[in-house]
Amino acid sequence: MLSGAEVQQYFAGVWRMMLGRPEGLKLLDLSADGFWNSFFAVIVALPPLIVGWVGFANSVPEAAAVGSRFALLVRLFLIDIGAWILPLVVLAAFARPAGIADRFVHYVVASNWASALFAWLMLLPALLRLFVPQASDLTDGISLVLFLVTLGLSWRLTVVAIGKGAAVGTAVFFAMLVISISVLIALQSVLGLEFQGS
């Protein structure tokens, strides 16, 4: 179990990386324990993710029944967490052929903590969707802006984490983006949510 101070340190580290500052890596734990502990970021991200899932479930009329709503929340959990973890598994398989095996741990640790930070950044539109459902246009607009901002920040973080120049970092960034979207769509299809995601 990580302390709040450690989580704050890792958030500070990935934020510096998102600003293009390689020294942010020094604030991350890149040891074997740090690698596995970085998946604790999933737990850190759960509160804002749950807010988003509940808001989405409220917008689905057929999920009004308690059992149906719970089943929908479980599916949303599996989709979002699967779209978080499975691309990293794919990267593990291709890291050596791609020539980035020596930076795999750096990327995974940074990516995990960045994903948790992004989940918290997306809390505002999630709260709006939950408590002010009639303001859907405003919510969608804020979500789009934040999504674009997180894409830019994620690109910078990837370039710093990979540490092999902008060209290689950009290639990894776009590869992971495509894989993540593909996994998300596949999971939505498998779990029967072939419509607007969470």
N, C-alpha and C. Protein backbone atom coordinates (compact mmCIF):
# COMPACT_ATOMS: atom_id res chain seq x y z
N MET A 1 0.85 -1.19 0.00
CA MET A 1 0.00 0.00 0.00
C MET A 1 0.90 1.25 0.00
N LEU A 2 0.71 2.10 -0.98
CA LEU A 2 1.52 3.30 -1.08
C LEU A 2 0.93 4.42 -0.24
N SER A 3 1.79 5.30 0.24
CA SER A 3 1.32 6.43 1.04
C SER A 3 0.85 7.56 0.13
N GLY A 4 0.09 8.48 0.72
CA GLY A 4 -0.36 9.64 -0.03
C GLY A 4 0.81 10.48 -0.52
N ALA A 5 1.86 10.56 0.29
CA ALA A 5 3.05 11.35 -0.10
C ALA A 5 3.72 10.73 -1.33
N GLU A 6 3.77 9.40 -1.38
CA GLU A 6 4.38 8.73 -2.53
C GLU A 6 3.56 8.98 -3.79
N VAL A 7 2.24 8.89 -3.66
CA VAL A 7 1.37 9.14 -4.83
C VAL A 7 1.57 10.57 -5.33
N GLN A 8 1.62 11.53 -4.41
CA GLN A 8 1.85 12.92 -4.79
C GLN A 8 3.20 13.08 -5.48
N GLN A 9 4.21 12.38 -4.99
CA GLN A 9 5.54 12.45 -5.60
C GLN A 9 5.50 11.92 -7.03
N TYR A 10 4.79 10.81 -7.24
CA TYR A 10 4.71 10.23 -8.58
C TYR A 10 3.90 11.12 -9.52
N PHE A 11 2.84 11.73 -9.00
CA PHE A 11 2.08 12.68 -9.81
C PHE A 11 2.97 13.86 -10.21
N ALA A 12 3.76 14.33 -9.27
CA ALA A 12 4.66 15.45 -9.56
C ALA A 12 5.68 15.04 -10.63
N GLY A 13 6.15 13.80 -10.54
CA GLY A 13 7.12 13.32 -11.51
C GLY A 13 6.55 13.25 -12.92
N VAL A 14 5.36 12.67 -13.05
CA VAL A 14 4.79 12.55 -14.40
C VAL A 14 4.36 13.92 -14.92
N TRP A 15 3.96 14.81 -14.03
CA TRP A 15 3.60 16.16 -14.49
C TRP A 15 4.83 16.87 -15.07
N ARG A 16 5.96 16.72 -14.42
CA ARG A 16 7.19 17.32 -14.96
C ARG A 16 7.53 16.70 -16.32
N MET A 17 7.33 15.39 -16.43
CA MET A 17 7.59 14.73 -17.71
C MET A 17 6.66 15.26 -18.80
N MET A 18 5.41 15.52 -18.43
CA MET A 18 4.44 16.06 -19.39
C MET A 18 4.82 17.47 -19.85
N LEU A 19 5.60 18.15 -19.05
CA LEU A 19 6.10 19.47 -19.42
C LEU A 19 7.41 19.38 -20.18
N GLY A 20 7.82 18.13 -20.48
CA GLY A 20 9.04 17.92 -21.24
C GLY A 20 10.31 17.93 -20.42
N ARG A 21 10.18 17.72 -19.11
CA ARG A 21 11.34 17.78 -18.22
C ARG A 21 11.75 16.37 -17.78
N PRO A 22 12.85 15.84 -18.34
CA PRO A 22 13.28 14.47 -18.03
C PRO A 22 13.56 14.21 -16.56
N GLU A 23 13.87 15.27 -15.80
CA GLU A 23 14.17 15.05 -14.39
C GLU A 23 12.97 14.52 -13.62
N GLY A 24 11.78 14.60 -14.23
CA GLY A 24 10.60 14.03 -13.60
C GLY A 24 10.73 12.54 -13.35
N LEU A 25 11.51 11.87 -14.19
CA LEU A 25 11.74 10.43 -14.02
C LEU A 25 12.39 10.11 -12.68
N LYS A 26 13.18 11.06 -12.16
CA LYS A 26 13.87 10.82 -10.90
C LYS A 26 12.90 10.73 -9.73
N LEU A 27 11.69 11.23 -9.91
CA LEU A 27 10.69 11.17 -8.85
C LEU A 27 9.88 9.88 -8.88
N LEU A 28 10.10 9.06 -9.90
CA LEU A 28 9.40 7.79 -10.02
C LEU A 28 10.25 6.65 -9.50
N ASP A 29 9.60 5.62 -9.02
CA ASP A 29 10.30 4.41 -8.56
C ASP A 29 10.38 3.45 -9.74
N LEU A 30 11.56 3.31 -10.34
CA LEU A 30 11.74 2.49 -11.52
C LEU A 30 12.34 1.13 -11.20
N SER A 31 12.30 0.76 -9.92
CA SER A 31 12.77 -0.57 -9.51
C SER A 31 11.70 -1.61 -9.86
N ALA A 32 12.03 -2.88 -9.65
CA ALA A 32 11.05 -3.94 -9.90
C ALA A 32 9.81 -3.74 -9.03
N ASP A 33 10.03 -3.39 -7.75
CA ASP A 33 8.89 -3.13 -6.87
C ASP A 33 8.10 -1.92 -7.36
N GLY A 34 8.82 -0.90 -7.81
CA GLY A 34 8.15 0.30 -8.31
C GLY A 34 7.31 0.01 -9.53
N PHE A 35 7.80 -0.90 -10.38
CA PHE A 35 7.04 -1.30 -11.57
C PHE A 35 5.69 -1.88 -11.16
N TRP A 36 5.71 -2.87 -10.28
CA TRP A 36 4.45 -3.51 -9.87
C TRP A 36 3.60 -2.57 -9.02
N ASN A 37 4.24 -1.75 -8.18
CA ASN A 37 3.48 -0.81 -7.35
C ASN A 37 2.78 0.26 -8.20
N SER A 38 3.31 0.50 -9.41
CA SER A 38 2.69 1.53 -10.25
C SER A 38 1.27 1.14 -10.67
N PHE A 39 0.95 -0.15 -10.60
CA PHE A 39 -0.41 -0.57 -10.94
C PHE A 39 -1.39 -0.22 -9.82
N PHE A 40 -0.86 0.23 -8.68
CA PHE A 40 -1.72 0.79 -7.62
C PHE A 40 -2.41 2.05 -8.13
N ALA A 41 -1.87 2.61 -9.20
CA ALA A 41 -2.49 3.79 -9.81
C ALA A 41 -3.92 3.52 -10.24
N VAL A 42 -4.22 2.26 -10.54
CA VAL A 42 -5.60 1.89 -10.89
C VAL A 42 -6.53 2.19 -9.72
N ILE A 43 -6.07 1.85 -8.50
CA ILE A 43 -6.88 2.12 -7.30
C ILE A 43 -7.02 3.62 -7.08
N VAL A 44 -5.93 4.35 -7.29
CA VAL A 44 -5.96 5.80 -7.13
C VAL A 44 -6.96 6.43 -8.10
N ALA A 45 -7.08 5.85 -9.29
CA ALA A 45 -7.96 6.41 -10.32
C ALA A 45 -9.42 6.01 -10.15
N LEU A 46 -9.69 5.03 -9.30
CA LEU A 46 -11.06 4.51 -9.20
C LEU A 46 -12.11 5.55 -8.80
N PRO A 47 -11.87 6.42 -7.81
CA PRO A 47 -12.93 7.37 -7.44
C PRO A 47 -13.45 8.21 -8.61
N PRO A 48 -12.60 8.90 -9.37
CA PRO A 48 -13.14 9.67 -10.50
C PRO A 48 -13.72 8.77 -11.60
N LEU A 49 -13.13 7.59 -11.79
CA LEU A 49 -13.67 6.68 -12.79
C LEU A 49 -15.09 6.23 -12.40
N ILE A 50 -15.28 5.94 -11.12
CA ILE A 50 -16.61 5.51 -10.65
C ILE A 50 -17.64 6.61 -10.86
N VAL A 51 -17.26 7.85 -10.61
CA VAL A 51 -18.17 8.98 -10.85
C VAL A 51 -18.59 8.98 -12.32
N GLY A 52 -17.62 8.78 -13.21
CA GLY A 52 -17.92 8.74 -14.64
C GLY A 52 -18.83 7.58 -15.01
N TRP A 53 -18.57 6.41 -14.44
CA TRP A 53 -19.38 5.24 -14.74
C TRP A 53 -20.82 5.43 -14.26
N VAL A 54 -20.98 5.98 -13.06
CA VAL A 54 -22.33 6.19 -12.52
C VAL A 54 -23.09 7.20 -13.38
N GLY A 55 -22.41 8.29 -13.76
CA GLY A 55 -23.04 9.28 -14.62
C GLY A 55 -23.47 8.69 -15.94
N PHE A 56 -22.63 7.84 -16.52
CA PHE A 56 -22.97 7.18 -17.78
C PHE A 56 -24.14 6.23 -17.58
N ALA A 57 -24.12 5.44 -16.50
CA ALA A 57 -25.19 4.49 -16.23
C ALA A 57 -26.52 5.21 -16.07
N ASN A 58 -26.49 6.40 -15.46
CA ASN A 58 -27.72 7.18 -15.29
C ASN A 58 -28.32 7.61 -16.62
N SER A 59 -27.48 7.70 -17.65
CA SER A 59 -27.96 8.15 -18.96
C SER A 59 -28.49 7.02 -19.82
N VAL A 60 -28.40 5.79 -19.31
CA VAL A 60 -28.88 4.62 -20.06
C VAL A 60 -30.21 4.18 -19.46
N PRO A 61 -31.33 4.44 -20.15
CA PRO A 61 -32.65 4.14 -19.58
C PRO A 61 -32.83 2.68 -19.18
N GLU A 62 -32.31 1.76 -20.00
CA GLU A 62 -32.51 0.34 -19.70
C GLU A 62 -31.74 -0.14 -18.49
N ALA A 63 -30.89 0.74 -17.92
CA ALA A 63 -30.12 0.36 -16.73
C ALA A 63 -30.78 0.85 -15.45
N ALA A 64 -32.05 1.23 -15.52
CA ALA A 64 -32.74 1.80 -14.36
C ALA A 64 -32.84 0.82 -13.20
N ALA A 65 -33.05 -0.46 -13.50
CA ALA A 65 -33.14 -1.46 -12.44
C ALA A 65 -31.78 -1.60 -11.75
N VAL A 66 -31.83 -1.88 -10.44
CA VAL A 66 -30.60 -1.96 -9.66
C VAL A 66 -29.65 -3.02 -10.22
N GLY A 67 -30.18 -4.19 -10.53
CA GLY A 67 -29.35 -5.27 -11.07
C GLY A 67 -28.74 -4.90 -12.40
N SER A 68 -29.54 -4.28 -13.25
CA SER A 68 -29.05 -3.88 -14.57
C SER A 68 -27.98 -2.80 -14.45
N ARG A 69 -28.20 -1.88 -13.51
CA ARG A 69 -27.22 -0.79 -13.33
C ARG A 69 -25.90 -1.34 -12.82
N PHE A 70 -25.97 -2.27 -11.88
CA PHE A 70 -24.75 -2.86 -11.35
C PHE A 70 -24.00 -3.62 -12.45
N ALA A 71 -24.74 -4.37 -13.26
CA ALA A 71 -24.11 -5.11 -14.36
C ALA A 71 -23.45 -4.16 -15.34
N LEU A 72 -24.09 -3.02 -15.61
CA LEU A 72 -23.51 -2.03 -16.51
C LEU A 72 -22.24 -1.44 -15.92
N LEU A 73 -22.26 -1.15 -14.63
CA LEU A 73 -21.07 -0.60 -13.97
C LEU A 73 -19.91 -1.59 -14.03
N VAL A 74 -20.21 -2.88 -13.85
CA VAL A 74 -19.17 -3.91 -13.93
C VAL A 74 -18.57 -3.94 -15.34
N ARG A 75 -19.42 -3.84 -16.35
CA ARG A 75 -18.93 -3.85 -17.73
C ARG A 75 -18.08 -2.61 -18.02
N LEU A 76 -18.50 -1.46 -17.50
CA LEU A 76 -17.72 -0.24 -17.69
C LEU A 76 -16.35 -0.35 -17.00
N PHE A 77 -16.36 -0.97 -15.82
CA PHE A 77 -15.10 -1.21 -15.11
C PHE A 77 -14.17 -2.09 -15.95
N LEU A 78 -14.69 -3.19 -16.47
CA LEU A 78 -13.87 -4.11 -17.26
C LEU A 78 -13.34 -3.45 -18.52
N ILE A 79 -14.17 -2.61 -19.15
CA ILE A 79 -13.75 -1.93 -20.37
C ILE A 79 -12.63 -0.94 -20.09
N ASP A 80 -12.83 -0.07 -19.11
CA ASP A 80 -11.83 0.97 -18.84
C ASP A 80 -10.52 0.38 -18.32
N ILE A 81 -10.61 -0.59 -17.41
CA ILE A 81 -9.40 -1.18 -16.86
C ILE A 81 -8.71 -2.04 -17.91
N GLY A 82 -9.49 -2.73 -18.72
CA GLY A 82 -8.91 -3.52 -19.80
C GLY A 82 -8.20 -2.64 -20.81
N ALA A 83 -8.81 -1.48 -21.13
CA ALA A 83 -8.19 -0.55 -22.07
C ALA A 83 -6.96 0.12 -21.47
N TRP A 84 -6.83 0.08 -20.17
CA TRP A 84 -5.64 0.60 -19.48
C TRP A 84 -4.52 -0.43 -19.49
N ILE A 85 -4.83 -1.68 -19.10
CA ILE A 85 -3.81 -2.69 -18.87
C ILE A 85 -3.40 -3.45 -20.14
N LEU A 86 -4.36 -3.85 -20.96
CA LEU A 86 -4.04 -4.70 -22.10
C LEU A 86 -3.06 -4.08 -23.10
N PRO A 87 -3.14 -2.77 -23.40
CA PRO A 87 -2.13 -2.20 -24.29
C PRO A 87 -0.71 -2.32 -23.73
N LEU A 88 -0.57 -2.29 -22.41
CA LEU A 88 0.76 -2.45 -21.81
C LEU A 88 1.26 -3.88 -22.00
N VAL A 89 0.33 -4.84 -21.98
CA VAL A 89 0.69 -6.24 -22.24
C VAL A 89 1.18 -6.39 -23.68
N VAL A 90 0.47 -5.74 -24.61
CA VAL A 90 0.89 -5.77 -26.01
C VAL A 90 2.27 -5.15 -26.17
N LEU A 91 2.49 -4.02 -25.50
CA LEU A 91 3.79 -3.36 -25.58
C LEU A 91 4.89 -4.26 -25.05
N ALA A 92 4.61 -5.00 -23.98
CA ALA A 92 5.60 -5.92 -23.42
C ALA A 92 6.05 -6.94 -24.45
N ALA A 93 5.09 -7.39 -25.27
CA ALA A 93 5.41 -8.40 -26.29
C ALA A 93 6.27 -7.84 -27.41
N PHE A 94 6.12 -6.54 -27.69
CA PHE A 94 6.81 -5.95 -28.84
C PHE A 94 7.95 -5.00 -28.46
N ALA A 95 8.18 -4.82 -27.16
CA ALA A 95 9.20 -3.85 -26.73
C ALA A 95 10.59 -4.23 -27.24
N ARG A 96 10.95 -5.51 -27.14
CA ARG A 96 12.30 -5.90 -27.58
C ARG A 96 12.47 -5.76 -29.08
N PRO A 97 11.54 -6.29 -29.90
CA PRO A 97 11.69 -6.09 -31.35
C PRO A 97 11.70 -4.61 -31.76
N ALA A 98 10.98 -3.79 -30.99
CA ALA A 98 10.92 -2.36 -31.31
C ALA A 98 12.14 -1.60 -30.82
N GLY A 99 12.99 -2.26 -30.05
CA GLY A 99 14.21 -1.63 -29.57
C GLY A 99 14.02 -0.72 -28.38
N ILE A 100 12.94 -0.93 -27.63
CA ILE A 100 12.69 -0.06 -26.47
C ILE A 100 12.57 -0.86 -25.17
N ALA A 101 13.08 -2.09 -25.18
CA ALA A 101 12.96 -2.94 -24.00
C ALA A 101 13.61 -2.30 -22.78
N ASP A 102 14.72 -1.56 -23.01
CA ASP A 102 15.44 -0.94 -21.90
C ASP A 102 14.67 0.23 -21.30
N ARG A 103 13.59 0.66 -21.98
CA ARG A 103 12.79 1.78 -21.46
C ARG A 103 11.35 1.35 -21.15
N PHE A 104 11.12 0.05 -21.21
CA PHE A 104 9.76 -0.46 -20.98
C PHE A 104 9.28 -0.12 -19.58
N VAL A 105 10.11 -0.37 -18.58
CA VAL A 105 9.72 -0.08 -17.19
C VAL A 105 9.46 1.41 -17.02
N HIS A 106 10.33 2.24 -17.58
CA HIS A 106 10.14 3.69 -17.48
C HIS A 106 8.76 4.09 -18.02
N TYR A 107 8.43 3.53 -19.19
CA TYR A 107 7.18 3.90 -19.83
C TYR A 107 5.98 3.41 -19.03
N VAL A 108 6.01 2.16 -18.59
CA VAL A 108 4.86 1.60 -17.86
C VAL A 108 4.62 2.36 -16.56
N VAL A 109 5.68 2.59 -15.80
CA VAL A 109 5.52 3.30 -14.52
C VAL A 109 4.96 4.70 -14.76
N ALA A 110 5.56 5.41 -15.71
CA ALA A 110 5.08 6.77 -16.01
C ALA A 110 3.66 6.75 -16.56
N SER A 111 3.38 5.82 -17.44
CA SER A 111 2.05 5.73 -18.05
C SER A 111 0.97 5.42 -17.02
N ASN A 112 1.27 4.51 -16.10
CA ASN A 112 0.28 4.17 -15.08
C ASN A 112 -0.07 5.38 -14.22
N TRP A 113 0.95 6.08 -13.74
CA TRP A 113 0.67 7.24 -12.88
C TRP A 113 0.05 8.39 -13.67
N ALA A 114 0.43 8.52 -14.93
CA ALA A 114 -0.20 9.55 -15.77
C ALA A 114 -1.68 9.23 -15.99
N SER A 115 -2.00 7.96 -16.18
CA SER A 115 -3.40 7.58 -16.39
C SER A 115 -4.25 7.91 -15.17
N ALA A 116 -3.68 7.69 -13.98
CA ALA A 116 -4.40 8.04 -12.75
C ALA A 116 -4.61 9.55 -12.67
N LEU A 117 -3.56 10.30 -13.01
CA LEU A 117 -3.67 11.77 -12.99
C LEU A 117 -4.71 12.24 -13.99
N PHE A 118 -4.72 11.65 -15.18
CA PHE A 118 -5.70 12.03 -16.20
C PHE A 118 -7.12 11.73 -15.73
N ALA A 119 -7.30 10.62 -15.01
CA ALA A 119 -8.63 10.27 -14.50
C ALA A 119 -9.14 11.38 -13.59
N TRP A 120 -8.25 11.92 -12.76
CA TRP A 120 -8.66 13.02 -11.87
C TRP A 120 -8.89 14.31 -12.65
N LEU A 121 -8.12 14.53 -13.71
CA LEU A 121 -8.34 15.72 -14.54
C LEU A 121 -9.70 15.68 -15.22
N MET A 122 -10.20 14.47 -15.48
CA MET A 122 -11.49 14.33 -16.16
C MET A 122 -12.66 14.30 -15.18
N LEU A 123 -12.38 14.58 -13.90
CA LEU A 123 -13.44 14.52 -12.89
C LEU A 123 -14.51 15.59 -13.11
N LEU A 124 -14.11 16.78 -13.55
CA LEU A 124 -15.09 17.87 -13.74
C LEU A 124 -16.22 17.48 -14.70
N PRO A 125 -15.92 17.05 -15.92
CA PRO A 125 -17.02 16.65 -16.80
C PRO A 125 -17.80 15.46 -16.26
N ALA A 126 -17.13 14.57 -15.52
CA ALA A 126 -17.84 13.44 -14.93
C ALA A 126 -18.85 13.91 -13.89
N LEU A 127 -18.45 14.90 -13.09
CA LEU A 127 -19.37 15.45 -12.09
C LEU A 127 -20.53 16.19 -12.75
N LEU A 128 -20.23 16.92 -13.82
CA LEU A 128 -21.29 17.63 -14.54
C LEU A 128 -22.29 16.64 -15.13
N ARG A 129 -21.77 15.54 -15.70
CA ARG A 129 -22.65 14.54 -16.28
C ARG A 129 -23.53 13.89 -15.21
N LEU A 130 -22.98 13.76 -14.00
CA LEU A 130 -23.71 13.11 -12.92
C LEU A 130 -24.76 14.03 -12.30
N PHE A 131 -24.37 15.30 -12.04
CA PHE A 131 -25.25 16.19 -11.29
C PHE A 131 -26.00 17.21 -12.15
N VAL A 132 -25.50 17.47 -13.36
CA VAL A 132 -26.17 18.41 -14.25
C VAL A 132 -26.33 17.75 -15.63
N PRO A 133 -27.09 16.67 -15.69
CA PRO A 133 -27.18 15.91 -16.95
C PRO A 133 -27.74 16.72 -18.11
N GLN A 134 -28.50 17.77 -17.79
CA GLN A 134 -29.08 18.57 -18.87
C GLN A 134 -28.05 19.45 -19.57
N ALA A 135 -26.88 19.60 -18.96
CA ALA A 135 -25.82 20.43 -19.56
C ALA A 135 -24.89 19.57 -20.41
N SER A 136 -25.46 18.69 -21.22
CA SER A 136 -24.66 17.73 -21.97
C SER A 136 -23.72 18.40 -22.98
N ASP A 137 -24.18 19.50 -23.59
CA ASP A 137 -23.32 20.18 -24.57
C ASP A 137 -22.07 20.75 -23.89
N LEU A 138 -22.26 21.37 -22.73
CA LEU A 138 -21.12 21.91 -21.98
C LEU A 138 -20.20 20.78 -21.54
N THR A 139 -20.79 19.71 -21.02
CA THR A 139 -19.99 18.56 -20.57
C THR A 139 -19.18 17.97 -21.71
N ASP A 140 -19.82 17.80 -22.86
CA ASP A 140 -19.12 17.23 -24.01
C ASP A 140 -17.99 18.14 -24.48
N GLY A 141 -18.23 19.45 -24.44
CA GLY A 141 -17.21 20.41 -24.85
C GLY A 141 -16.00 20.36 -23.94
N ILE A 142 -16.25 20.34 -22.63
CA ILE A 142 -15.15 20.28 -21.66
C ILE A 142 -14.40 18.96 -21.81
N SER A 143 -15.15 17.88 -22.01
CA SER A 143 -14.53 16.56 -22.17
C SER A 143 -13.60 16.54 -23.38
N LEU A 144 -14.07 17.12 -24.48
CA LEU A 144 -13.26 17.14 -25.70
C LEU A 144 -11.97 17.94 -25.50
N VAL A 145 -12.10 19.11 -24.88
CA VAL A 145 -10.91 19.94 -24.65
C VAL A 145 -9.91 19.22 -23.75
N LEU A 146 -10.42 18.62 -22.67
CA LEU A 146 -9.53 17.91 -21.75
C LEU A 146 -8.90 16.70 -22.43
N PHE A 147 -9.67 16.02 -23.28
CA PHE A 147 -9.12 14.86 -24.00
C PHE A 147 -7.97 15.28 -24.89
N LEU A 148 -8.15 16.38 -25.61
CA LEU A 148 -7.08 16.87 -26.49
C LEU A 148 -5.85 17.30 -25.69
N VAL A 149 -6.09 17.94 -24.54
CA VAL A 149 -4.99 18.35 -23.68
C VAL A 149 -4.22 17.13 -23.17
N THR A 150 -4.97 16.10 -22.74
CA THR A 150 -4.30 14.90 -22.23
C THR A 150 -3.53 14.17 -23.33
N LEU A 151 -4.01 14.25 -24.56
CA LEU A 151 -3.25 13.65 -25.67
C LEU A 151 -1.89 14.34 -25.81
N GLY A 152 -1.90 15.67 -25.79
CA GLY A 152 -0.64 16.41 -25.90
C GLY A 152 0.29 16.11 -24.74
N LEU A 153 -0.25 16.08 -23.53
CA LEU A 153 0.58 15.79 -22.36
C LEU A 153 1.11 14.36 -22.40
N SER A 154 0.28 13.44 -22.86
CA SER A 154 0.69 12.04 -22.95
C SER A 154 1.81 11.87 -23.97
N TRP A 155 1.73 12.61 -25.06
CA TRP A 155 2.79 12.54 -26.07
C TRP A 155 4.12 12.99 -25.48
N ARG A 156 4.11 14.11 -24.75
CA ARG A 156 5.34 14.60 -24.14
C ARG A 156 5.89 13.59 -23.14
N LEU A 157 4.99 13.02 -22.33
CA LEU A 157 5.40 12.04 -21.34
C LEU A 157 6.04 10.82 -22.02
N THR A 158 5.44 10.37 -23.11
CA THR A 158 5.96 9.20 -23.82
C THR A 158 7.35 9.47 -24.38
N VAL A 159 7.54 10.64 -24.97
CA VAL A 159 8.86 10.99 -25.53
C VAL A 159 9.92 10.99 -24.43
N VAL A 160 9.59 11.55 -23.27
CA VAL A 160 10.54 11.58 -22.16
C VAL A 160 10.78 10.17 -21.61
N ALA A 161 9.72 9.40 -21.45
CA ALA A 161 9.85 8.06 -20.87
C ALA A 161 10.66 7.13 -21.77
N ILE A 162 10.42 7.20 -23.07
CA ILE A 162 11.14 6.34 -24.01
C ILE A 162 12.59 6.79 -24.13
N GLY A 163 12.82 8.09 -24.11
CA GLY A 163 14.17 8.62 -24.06
C GLY A 163 15.05 8.30 -25.27
N LYS A 164 14.45 8.14 -26.42
CA LYS A 164 15.21 7.83 -27.63
C LYS A 164 14.93 8.84 -28.75
N GLY A 165 14.55 10.03 -28.36
CA GLY A 165 14.29 11.07 -29.35
C GLY A 165 12.81 11.19 -29.67
N ALA A 166 12.46 12.33 -30.28
CA ALA A 166 11.06 12.61 -30.56
C ALA A 166 10.46 11.64 -31.57
N ALA A 167 11.24 11.20 -32.56
CA ALA A 167 10.70 10.32 -33.60
C ALA A 167 10.27 8.98 -33.01
N VAL A 168 11.14 8.36 -32.23
CA VAL A 168 10.80 7.06 -31.63
C VAL A 168 9.68 7.23 -30.61
N GLY A 169 9.77 8.28 -29.78
CA GLY A 169 8.72 8.53 -28.80
C GLY A 169 7.37 8.75 -29.44
N THR A 170 7.35 9.49 -30.54
CA THR A 170 6.09 9.75 -31.25
C THR A 170 5.54 8.47 -31.85
N ALA A 171 6.41 7.62 -32.38
CA ALA A 171 5.97 6.34 -32.95
C ALA A 171 5.33 5.47 -31.87
N VAL A 172 5.97 5.42 -30.70
CA VAL A 172 5.41 4.64 -29.59
C VAL A 172 4.08 5.23 -29.14
N PHE A 173 4.02 6.56 -29.05
CA PHE A 173 2.79 7.22 -28.63
C PHE A 173 1.63 6.85 -29.55
N PHE A 174 1.82 6.97 -30.85
CA PHE A 174 0.73 6.69 -31.79
C PHE A 174 0.39 5.20 -31.82
N ALA A 175 1.41 4.35 -31.69
CA ALA A 175 1.15 2.91 -31.65
C ALA A 175 0.29 2.56 -30.44
N MET A 176 0.62 3.11 -29.28
CA MET A 176 -0.15 2.83 -28.07
C MET A 176 -1.54 3.44 -28.15
N LEU A 177 -1.67 4.60 -28.80
CA LEU A 177 -2.99 5.21 -28.97
C LEU A 177 -3.89 4.32 -29.82
N VAL A 178 -3.34 3.82 -30.93
CA VAL A 178 -4.12 2.94 -31.81
C VAL A 178 -4.49 1.64 -31.08
N ILE A 179 -3.53 1.07 -30.37
CA ILE A 179 -3.80 -0.17 -29.64
C ILE A 179 -4.87 0.06 -28.58
N SER A 180 -4.78 1.18 -27.85
CA SER A 180 -5.74 1.48 -26.79
C SER A 180 -7.15 1.64 -27.35
N ILE A 181 -7.27 2.37 -28.46
CA ILE A 181 -8.59 2.56 -29.07
C ILE A 181 -9.12 1.23 -29.58
N SER A 182 -8.26 0.42 -30.18
CA SER A 182 -8.68 -0.89 -30.70
C SER A 182 -9.16 -1.80 -29.58
N VAL A 183 -8.42 -1.81 -28.46
CA VAL A 183 -8.81 -2.62 -27.31
C VAL A 183 -10.14 -2.13 -26.75
N LEU A 184 -10.29 -0.80 -26.65
CA LEU A 184 -11.53 -0.21 -26.13
C LEU A 184 -12.73 -0.63 -26.97
N ILE A 185 -12.60 -0.51 -28.29
CA ILE A 185 -13.70 -0.88 -29.19
C ILE A 185 -13.99 -2.37 -29.09
N ALA A 186 -12.93 -3.18 -29.04
CA ALA A 186 -13.12 -4.63 -28.95
C ALA A 186 -13.83 -5.02 -27.65
N LEU A 187 -13.42 -4.42 -26.54
CA LEU A 187 -14.05 -4.73 -25.26
C LEU A 187 -15.50 -4.26 -25.21
N GLN A 188 -15.78 -3.10 -25.79
CA GLN A 188 -17.16 -2.63 -25.86
C GLN A 188 -18.02 -3.61 -26.65
N SER A 189 -17.47 -4.13 -27.73
CA SER A 189 -18.22 -5.08 -28.56
C SER A 189 -18.45 -6.39 -27.81
N VAL A 190 -17.39 -6.91 -27.19
CA VAL A 190 -17.49 -8.18 -26.47
C VAL A 190 -18.47 -8.08 -25.31
N LEU A 191 -18.46 -6.94 -24.63
CA LEU A 191 -19.31 -6.77 -23.45
C LEU A 191 -20.66 -6.10 -23.77
N GLY A 192 -20.96 -5.97 -25.05
CA GLY A 192 -22.29 -5.50 -25.44
C GLY A 192 -22.52 -4.02 -25.23
N LEU A 193 -21.47 -3.22 -25.34
CA LEU A 193 -21.61 -1.78 -25.21
C LEU A 193 -21.11 -1.11 -26.49
N GLU A 194 -21.74 -1.43 -27.60
CA GLU A 194 -21.31 -0.92 -28.89
C GLU A 194 -21.99 0.41 -29.19
N PHE A 195 -21.73 1.38 -28.30
CA PHE A 195 -22.25 2.73 -28.50
C PHE A 195 -21.30 3.67 -27.80
N GLN A 196 -21.69 4.89 -27.61
CA GLN A 196 -20.81 5.89 -27.00
C GLN A 196 -20.25 5.38 -25.69
N GLY A 197 -18.91 5.42 -25.58
CA GLY A 197 -18.23 4.87 -24.42
C GLY A 197 -18.37 5.75 -23.19
N SER A 198 -17.73 5.28 -22.12
CA SER A 198 -17.80 5.98 -20.85
C SER A 198 -16.87 7.17 -20.84
